[in-house]
Every structure is written in structure tokens, then in C-alpha cells.
Amino acid sequence: MELNETQRERYGRHLSLPEIGEEGQKKLLRAKVLVVGAGGLGSPAALYLGAAGIGTIGIVDGDRVELGNLQRQILHTTPSVGTLKVSSAAERLRALNPDTRLTLHPFRLSRENAADLIAGYDFVIDATDNFKAKFLIAETCHREAKPYSHAGISAFSGQTMTVNPGISACYRCVFHEGEVPEKQITAGPLGTLPGIMGAIQATEAIKFLLSIGTSLCNTILTCDCLSMTMRRVPVSRDPQCPLCGKA
């Protein structure tokens, strides 16, 4: 494939970066990324992936836009209240970049559909807001050998890590099903927090697809917005991990 003149203008700032250049931009245009969740985290992640020229973006979400979402879910607008989130997201993303092909999945990720969905993508963004979905994404990405970015937020703090299945520590190496609360904490969050974390997830996806930089594999990056501090916490694979361990 060759970039046309419109694409050369649109992605000119990427083309000027030696780490990306024309060949890197072509890779992004051929890439397929699945965003699971079109809410607080999925909104900035999808917008930046679309702006970057990711060729195909899949969006999984079965919810409809509510007025209370708009404090943080920047994919959606006041006129889209009541509509499916995937439809609202598609409208914004198509307006942002018509180069991007969108595949909409207007339902929740489940054990019945997860493998078929994830198998068709190169990278997965875990932008969900509950532990059940996060464990399912981790399990399915491991089985399908798909790299993914996890993020979680609450109140004023967030965390994110990137997983390369079978190579780096996985989500279950760090978070154990019996040790997390059955119900997700719903305090907050500060509206800008998912914007920070979702943008980092999009960055990790782009870096992974281009094989550039140092990823957050084997690392949890935490962010505290009140003190405006970030911390890198090294993690390693757990030999006893029920998902990727020796057993």
C-alpha cells in the first residue's frame, strides 16, 4: 500500500518521526485493535487510536449513553444520550478519521463470544470497569496469544500494565480472583483520570504494533492525580499463576 496525499498531510507529524516514518504509518493502517468498553477508558483510547490511523478499530459495548457518563466519557455528547455507545462512538470516530474502519459489537463480552471476537485483532485494549470482564480478557488473550493493555481507575488514582502472553507477567500473575472484591468500587472517578490512563493504553498499543520503545510489560504504572505522581512498579511472572504458570 502507498500513502495518498491526504494521508501524508494527516499523518505528517508521524512521518517526521524516525521511529515511525512511512513504513510505521503503513503498519498502523494495516493494524486491528479491539477496544473492550466505550466508557471512560475506552473513549480516549479509541479517539487517539483513530487519530493515529489504526486501520481497523473494533468496539465492544452493550450499554447506552447516559447523562452521567458525559463527565468523563468523551466519545459521547449530549445529543447521543439514550443511543448505543458503539453507535455514538462510531459517529465521533468517523468524523475524526474516515480512514479508520470500524467494527461495532453492541453487546457485552462473554465467555461465549470472547474468543471469536479477540482472535481477529492484533492488540486488545481492556477498557472495562469490572473484574469479571478483566479476568475474561486476560484468559482469552492468553489462549489466543493476543497482547493487551489493562487499566483500572478509582476516585483519583489509576493503574495500567501491558501483557504479552507467554512472555511477560499476565493480569492473573498480579491480581488473583479470590483477592478482589466481588463488586467494583464506584467512587468517582475524577473526570480527567480515565483520559490520562486511556491515552497511555493507546500509546502502549501503538508502540507494540510498531515494536518501538519500552512497553509496560512486567510493569504496573500507577497514577495519583491528587499528588500528580506516577510510579513504575516492577512485576514478574508467577510460576504458580493459574493462567500462565508452569502448571
Protein backbone atom coordinates (compact mmCIF):
# COMPACT_ATOMS: atom_id res chain seq x y z
CA MET A 1 0.00 0.00 0.00
CA GLU A 2 1.08 3.58 -0.65
CA LEU A 3 0.05 6.64 1.31
CA ASN A 4 -2.00 9.13 -0.67
CA GLU A 5 -1.50 12.89 -0.42
CA THR A 6 -4.31 13.32 2.08
CA GLN A 7 -2.78 10.68 4.33
CA ARG A 8 0.65 12.22 4.01
CA GLU A 9 -0.78 15.50 5.26
CA ARG A 10 -2.91 13.91 8.00
CA TYR A 11 -0.09 11.78 9.40
CA GLY A 12 2.74 14.20 8.61
CA ARG A 13 3.84 14.51 12.24
CA HIS A 14 4.16 10.72 12.45
CA LEU A 15 6.06 10.59 9.18
CA SER A 16 8.58 13.06 10.60
CA LEU A 17 9.42 10.71 13.48
CA PRO A 18 12.23 8.30 12.55
CA GLU A 19 10.74 5.71 14.92
CA ILE A 20 7.55 5.68 12.83
CA GLY A 21 8.07 7.14 9.35
CA GLU A 22 6.20 5.94 6.29
CA GLU A 23 6.66 2.23 6.92
CA GLY A 24 5.48 2.58 10.50
CA GLN A 25 2.39 4.51 9.44
CA LYS A 26 1.59 1.79 6.92
CA LYS A 27 1.81 -0.75 9.75
CA LEU A 28 -0.71 1.27 11.77
CA LEU A 29 -3.05 1.49 8.78
CA ARG A 30 -2.94 -2.31 8.49
CA ALA A 31 -3.39 -2.90 12.22
CA LYS A 32 -6.52 -4.06 14.02
CA VAL A 33 -7.18 -3.06 17.63
CA LEU A 34 -10.14 -4.13 19.77
CA VAL A 35 -11.38 -1.72 22.44
CA VAL A 36 -13.49 -3.52 25.03
CA GLY A 37 -15.61 -0.83 26.66
CA ALA A 38 -16.61 2.53 25.18
CA GLY A 39 -16.67 4.39 28.50
CA GLY A 40 -14.14 6.41 30.45
CA LEU A 41 -11.02 4.50 29.41
CA GLY A 42 -12.24 3.40 26.01
CA SER A 43 -13.16 6.94 24.95
CA PRO A 44 -9.66 8.48 24.89
CA ALA A 45 -8.08 5.20 23.80
CA ALA A 46 -10.37 4.91 20.77
CA LEU A 47 -10.03 8.59 19.86
CA TYR A 48 -6.24 8.51 19.90
CA LEU A 49 -6.11 5.19 18.03
CA GLY A 50 -8.39 6.62 15.39
CA ALA A 51 -6.38 9.82 15.13
CA ALA A 52 -3.17 7.78 14.83
CA GLY A 53 -4.51 5.95 11.79
CA ILE A 54 -5.18 2.48 13.15
CA GLY A 55 -6.74 0.74 10.17
CA THR A 56 -9.47 -1.19 11.98
CA ILE A 57 -10.90 -0.45 15.41
CA GLY A 58 -13.40 -2.83 16.97
CA ILE A 59 -15.59 -1.53 19.80
CA VAL A 60 -17.39 -3.81 22.24
CA ASP A 61 -20.07 -2.32 24.49
CA GLY A 62 -23.70 -3.21 25.09
CA ASP A 63 -24.67 -0.10 27.07
CA ARG A 64 -26.45 3.10 26.08
CA VAL A 65 -25.18 6.62 26.74
CA GLU A 66 -26.43 8.19 29.97
CA LEU A 67 -26.16 11.82 31.01
CA GLY A 68 -23.94 10.85 33.96
CA ASN A 69 -21.42 9.32 31.54
CA LEU A 70 -20.55 12.64 29.94
CA GLN A 71 -18.42 13.87 32.85
CA ARG A 72 -15.66 11.51 31.65
CA GLN A 73 -16.71 9.53 28.55
CA ILE A 74 -15.57 11.96 25.88
CA LEU A 75 -16.54 9.78 22.91
CA HIS A 76 -20.15 10.76 23.59
CA THR A 77 -22.10 14.02 23.52
CA THR A 78 -25.36 15.32 24.96
CA PRO A 79 -27.36 14.56 21.77
CA SER A 80 -26.21 10.92 21.95
CA VAL A 81 -27.82 10.28 25.37
CA GLY A 82 -30.03 7.23 25.02
CA THR A 83 -28.24 5.82 21.98
CA LEU A 84 -26.00 2.77 21.92
CA LYS A 85 -22.46 3.64 22.97
CA VAL A 86 -20.99 1.84 19.97
CA SER A 87 -23.14 3.95 17.64
CA SER A 88 -22.22 7.18 19.40
CA ALA A 89 -18.55 6.18 19.33
CA ALA A 90 -18.72 5.36 15.63
CA GLU A 91 -20.16 8.77 14.81
CA ARG A 92 -17.31 10.58 16.58
CA LEU A 93 -14.59 8.33 15.18
CA ARG A 94 -15.83 8.56 11.59
CA ALA A 95 -15.91 12.33 11.89
CA LEU A 96 -12.35 12.30 13.26
CA ASN A 97 -10.80 9.98 10.68
CA PRO A 98 -12.62 8.40 7.73
CA ASP A 99 -9.54 6.24 7.07
CA THR A 100 -10.43 4.05 10.05
CA ARG A 101 -12.69 1.05 9.51
CA LEU A 102 -14.99 0.42 12.46
CA THR A 103 -16.38 -2.90 13.57
CA LEU A 104 -19.15 -2.44 16.12
CA HIS A 105 -20.09 -5.11 18.64
CA PRO A 106 -23.20 -3.81 20.51
CA PHE A 107 -23.12 -6.37 23.31
CA ARG A 108 -21.06 -7.31 26.35
CA LEU A 109 -18.01 -9.53 26.15
CA SER A 110 -18.88 -13.02 27.40
CA ARG A 111 -17.38 -16.49 27.58
CA GLU A 112 -19.48 -17.41 24.57
CA ASN A 113 -18.19 -14.66 22.26
CA ALA A 114 -14.80 -13.61 23.65
CA ALA A 115 -12.57 -15.99 21.69
CA ASP A 116 -14.19 -15.27 18.32
CA LEU A 117 -14.00 -11.51 18.92
CA ILE A 118 -10.44 -11.29 20.17
CA ALA A 119 -8.98 -13.71 17.62
CA GLY A 120 -9.47 -11.22 14.79
CA TYR A 121 -7.39 -8.40 16.28
CA ASP A 122 -3.69 -7.63 16.75
CA PHE A 123 -4.00 -5.88 20.12
CA VAL A 124 -6.70 -5.55 22.78
CA ILE A 125 -7.48 -2.56 25.00
CA ASP A 126 -9.11 -3.65 28.27
CA ALA A 127 -11.22 -0.59 28.99
CA THR A 128 -13.76 -2.42 31.14
CA ASP A 129 -14.86 -1.39 34.61
CA ASN A 130 -15.36 -4.73 36.37
CA PHE A 131 -13.09 -7.54 37.49
CA LYS A 132 -15.11 -10.32 35.85
CA ALA A 133 -14.55 -8.81 32.42
CA LYS A 134 -10.86 -8.17 33.12
CA PHE A 135 -10.23 -11.79 34.11
CA LEU A 136 -12.09 -12.94 30.99
CA ILE A 137 -10.00 -10.69 28.75
CA ALA A 138 -6.79 -11.92 30.38
CA GLU A 139 -7.81 -15.56 29.94
CA THR A 140 -8.93 -15.17 26.34
CA CYS A 141 -5.93 -13.10 25.27
CA HIS A 142 -3.65 -15.73 26.78
CA ARG A 143 -5.35 -18.53 24.88
CA GLU A 144 -5.41 -16.57 21.64
CA ALA A 145 -1.84 -15.23 22.15
CA LYS A 146 -3.02 -11.62 21.80
CA PRO A 147 -1.18 -8.76 23.54
CA TYR A 148 -3.33 -6.45 25.62
CA SER A 149 -3.31 -3.35 27.81
CA HIS A 150 -5.07 -3.42 31.18
CA ALA A 151 -6.11 -0.31 33.07
CA GLY A 152 -8.19 0.32 36.15
CA ILE A 153 -9.32 3.54 37.83
CA SER A 154 -11.00 4.64 41.06
CA ALA A 155 -11.52 8.09 42.56
CA PHE A 156 -8.23 9.95 41.87
CA SER A 157 -5.90 7.05 41.08
CA GLY A 158 -5.33 4.62 38.23
CA GLN A 159 -3.04 1.83 37.14
CA THR A 160 -2.10 0.23 33.85
CA MET A 161 0.08 -2.58 32.55
CA THR A 162 0.74 -4.24 29.20
CA VAL A 163 0.77 -8.00 28.74
CA ASN A 164 2.49 -10.05 26.06
CA PRO A 165 1.02 -13.52 26.71
CA GLY A 166 3.53 -16.25 27.49
CA ILE A 167 6.38 -13.72 27.64
CA SER A 168 5.53 -11.13 30.30
CA ALA A 169 3.60 -11.23 33.56
CA CYS A 170 -0.13 -11.53 32.92
CA TYR A 171 -3.06 -9.91 34.70
CA ARG A 172 -3.58 -13.01 36.87
CA CYS A 173 0.07 -13.06 37.92
CA VAL A 174 -0.69 -9.81 39.74
CA PHE A 175 -4.41 -9.90 40.52
CA HIS A 176 -5.92 -13.06 41.98
CA GLU A 177 -9.62 -13.81 41.66
CA GLY A 178 -10.07 -14.69 45.31
CA GLU A 179 -8.43 -11.45 46.45
CA VAL A 180 -10.51 -8.85 44.61
CA PRO A 181 -13.88 -7.57 45.84
CA GLU A 182 -16.97 -9.03 44.19
CA LYS A 183 -18.29 -5.53 43.50
CA GLN A 184 -16.27 -2.84 41.74
CA ILE A 185 -15.62 0.31 43.78
CA THR A 186 -17.63 3.09 42.12
CA ALA A 187 -16.30 6.22 43.89
CA GLY A 188 -15.66 8.89 41.30
CA PRO A 189 -13.62 8.91 39.23
CA LEU A 190 -12.23 12.37 38.62
CA GLY A 191 -13.31 13.02 35.03
CA THR A 192 -9.81 13.60 33.67
CA LEU A 193 -8.31 10.44 35.20
CA PRO A 194 -9.57 7.95 32.58
CA GLY A 195 -8.35 10.38 29.93
CA ILE A 196 -4.80 10.02 31.24
CA MET A 197 -4.94 6.25 31.59
CA GLY A 198 -6.77 5.63 28.31
CA ALA A 199 -4.25 7.76 26.43
CA ILE A 200 -1.46 5.66 27.93
CA GLN A 201 -3.25 2.49 26.79
CA ALA A 202 -3.47 3.83 23.24
CA THR A 203 0.23 4.74 23.37
CA GLU A 204 1.11 1.22 24.51
CA ALA A 205 -0.91 -0.27 21.64
CA ILE A 206 0.82 1.95 19.06
CA LYS A 207 4.28 1.18 20.47
CA PHE A 208 3.57 -2.54 20.49
CA LEU A 209 2.28 -2.54 16.92
CA LEU A 210 5.39 -0.66 15.77
CA SER A 211 7.84 -2.58 18.01
CA ILE A 212 9.29 0.66 19.36
CA GLY A 213 10.20 1.97 22.80
CA THR A 214 9.89 0.27 26.16
CA SER A 215 6.47 -1.12 26.94
CA LEU A 216 4.74 -1.55 30.29
CA CYS A 217 5.25 -5.31 30.11
CA ASN A 218 6.31 -6.59 33.55
CA THR A 219 5.50 -3.14 34.93
CA ILE A 220 2.50 -1.56 36.61
CA LEU A 221 2.35 2.19 36.12
CA THR A 222 0.32 3.92 38.82
CA CYS A 223 -1.01 7.47 38.67
CA ASP A 224 -2.20 9.58 41.60
CA CYS A 225 -3.89 12.71 40.30
CA LEU A 226 -4.14 14.41 43.70
CA SER A 227 -0.38 14.41 44.20
CA MET A 228 0.24 14.26 40.43
CA THR A 229 2.75 11.46 40.82
CA MET A 230 3.40 8.38 38.73
CA ARG A 231 5.25 5.31 39.87
CA ARG A 232 6.58 2.27 38.00
CA VAL A 233 6.22 -0.97 39.93
CA PRO A 234 8.15 -3.96 38.54
CA VAL A 235 6.24 -7.25 38.40
CA SER A 236 7.27 -10.68 37.18
CA ARG A 237 5.61 -13.85 36.01
CA ASP A 238 4.28 -16.06 38.77
CA PRO A 239 5.34 -19.70 38.27
CA GLN A 240 2.17 -20.67 40.14
CA CYS A 241 -0.11 -18.44 38.08
CA PRO A 242 -3.24 -20.45 37.19
CA LEU A 243 -3.25 -18.86 33.74
CA CYS A 244 0.36 -18.63 32.50
CA GLY A 245 2.30 -20.56 35.18
CA LYS A 246 4.12 -23.85 34.74
CA ALA A 247 1.06 -25.84 35.73
